[in-house]
Structure formats: structure tokens, C-alpha cells
Amino acid sequence: MPFGGSSLQDSHNAADRVESEIFATCRRLTGFPLIGTRRPDITRLPVRFLTVARFPNYVIVYRPQTVPLQVIAVLHSKRDLGKVLEERRW
């Protein structure tokens, strides 16, 4: 086995599970766009944040007022979310 005791296939499967849950969470957001929270402590942009329930290290940042709903980022929660959003071009 490779370093760390897990195989490459295990890593791919784990990534697939995270990706599937992110997509499922985004689909739920389309029906309930206001379930995320505003975070004025992070940004003044008109966006909301929703943590992916099964994988709480990931945060979906989206614009609830757009049709269709616009996901602008899926970020790891350890990142400086405000800085990442500030650096993006709007």
C-alpha cells in the first residue's frame, strides 16, 4: 500500500463521495435558497454560506437571489474565506 495506508482507489472513492455530497447540497439549495447564512464578518457581498453537512470542512458560497441559483465557490473551511472572495473578480 502507498504511504498513509490507503490506496489510490480509496482516495478516488473518497473524493467521489465528497463531490456527490456537494452536488446534492447544491440541488437542495435550489429549493431552499435562504437556508444558508449571511456572513457580514467575512464579506459584504450579497452571498450566503452553507456548510456541507456530511463533510463540514467544505462551504458552499452562493448568490440566493439569482435564477438559477449561482454557486460562486466551494471552499475548504480552513481557508481564509474573506480573502478568497475578495481576490475573485466579480
Protein backbone atom coordinates (compact mmCIF):
# COMPACT_ATOMS: atom_id res chain seq x y z
CA MET A 1 0.00 0.00 0.00
CA PRO A 2 1.12 3.58 -0.63
CA PHE A 3 2.21 5.95 2.12
CA GLY A 4 -0.52 6.52 4.66
CA GLY A 5 -2.05 3.07 4.35
CA SER A 6 -4.70 3.85 1.75
CA SER A 7 -4.79 3.07 -1.91
CA LEU A 8 -5.22 5.48 -4.77
CA GLN A 9 -8.63 3.89 -5.42
CA ASP A 10 -9.67 4.68 -1.83
CA SER A 11 -8.67 8.30 -2.40
CA HIS A 12 -10.70 8.45 -5.61
CA ASN A 13 -13.72 6.92 -3.87
CA ALA A 14 -13.46 9.42 -1.04
CA ALA A 15 -13.23 12.32 -3.49
CA ASP A 16 -16.26 10.98 -5.36
CA ARG A 17 -18.27 10.86 -2.12
CA VAL A 18 -17.35 14.46 -1.28
CA GLU A 19 -18.20 15.62 -4.79
CA SER A 20 -21.55 13.80 -4.76
CA GLU A 21 -22.49 15.37 -1.44
CA ILE A 22 -21.53 18.85 -2.68
CA PHE A 23 -23.76 18.41 -5.75
CA ALA A 24 -26.61 17.08 -3.61
CA THR A 25 -26.31 20.07 -1.28
CA CYS A 26 -26.38 22.44 -4.25
CA ARG A 27 -29.54 20.74 -5.55
CA ARG A 28 -31.18 21.21 -2.13
CA LEU A 29 -30.22 24.88 -2.21
CA THR A 30 -32.23 25.41 -5.39
CA GLY A 31 -35.41 24.62 -3.47
CA PHE A 32 -34.44 26.49 -0.30
CA PRO A 33 -32.00 29.25 -1.27
CA LEU A 34 -32.26 31.13 2.01
CA ILE A 35 -31.13 28.27 4.27
CA GLY A 36 -27.53 29.45 4.17
CA THR A 37 -26.28 32.23 6.38
CA ARG A 38 -25.10 35.69 5.59
CA ARG A 39 -21.64 36.35 6.96
CA PRO A 40 -21.04 40.11 7.13
CA ASP A 41 -17.98 39.31 9.26
CA ILE A 42 -16.46 37.65 6.17
CA THR A 43 -17.79 39.70 3.24
CA ARG A 44 -20.19 42.46 2.31
CA LEU A 45 -21.04 40.65 -0.93
CA PRO A 46 -24.69 39.57 -1.34
CA VAL A 47 -23.86 35.90 -0.79
CA ARG A 48 -24.76 33.16 1.66
CA PHE A 49 -22.70 30.34 3.11
CA LEU A 50 -23.78 26.77 3.68
CA THR A 51 -21.62 24.07 5.20
CA VAL A 52 -21.85 20.67 3.51
CA ALA A 53 -23.46 18.59 6.29
CA ARG A 54 -21.70 15.26 5.72
CA PHE A 55 -18.35 16.95 5.02
CA PRO A 56 -18.26 20.04 7.25
CA ASN A 57 -14.82 21.05 6.04
CA TYR A 58 -16.47 22.33 2.85
CA VAL A 59 -18.50 25.51 2.50
CA ILE A 60 -20.67 26.45 -0.47
CA VAL A 61 -20.78 30.17 -1.19
CA TYR A 62 -23.71 31.21 -3.37
CA ARG A 63 -25.97 34.02 -4.50
CA PRO A 64 -29.51 33.16 -3.37
CA GLN A 65 -31.23 35.88 -5.39
CA THR A 66 -30.10 34.64 -8.81
CA VAL A 67 -32.19 32.41 -11.04
CA PRO A 68 -30.84 29.90 -11.45
CA LEU A 69 -29.04 29.95 -8.13
CA GLN A 70 -25.39 30.82 -8.67
CA VAL A 71 -22.75 28.93 -6.71
CA ILE A 72 -19.69 31.14 -6.74
CA ALA A 73 -17.33 28.93 -4.75
CA VAL A 74 -16.92 25.68 -2.88
CA LEU A 75 -14.13 26.23 -0.39
CA HIS A 76 -12.38 24.36 2.36
CA SER A 77 -13.36 25.92 5.66
CA LYS A 78 -9.74 26.22 6.82
CA ARG A 79 -9.06 28.78 4.09
CA ASP A 80 -9.41 32.49 4.69
CA LEU A 81 -12.86 32.75 3.11
CA GLY A 82 -12.94 36.55 3.14
CA LYS A 83 -9.58 36.80 1.42
CA VAL A 84 -10.51 34.22 -1.22
CA LEU A 85 -13.75 36.03 -2.02
CA GLU A 86 -12.04 39.41 -2.05
CA GLU A 87 -9.50 38.18 -4.61
CA ARG A 88 -12.15 36.90 -7.02
CA ARG A 89 -13.25 39.07 -9.89
CA TRP A 90 -16.94 39.95 -9.84
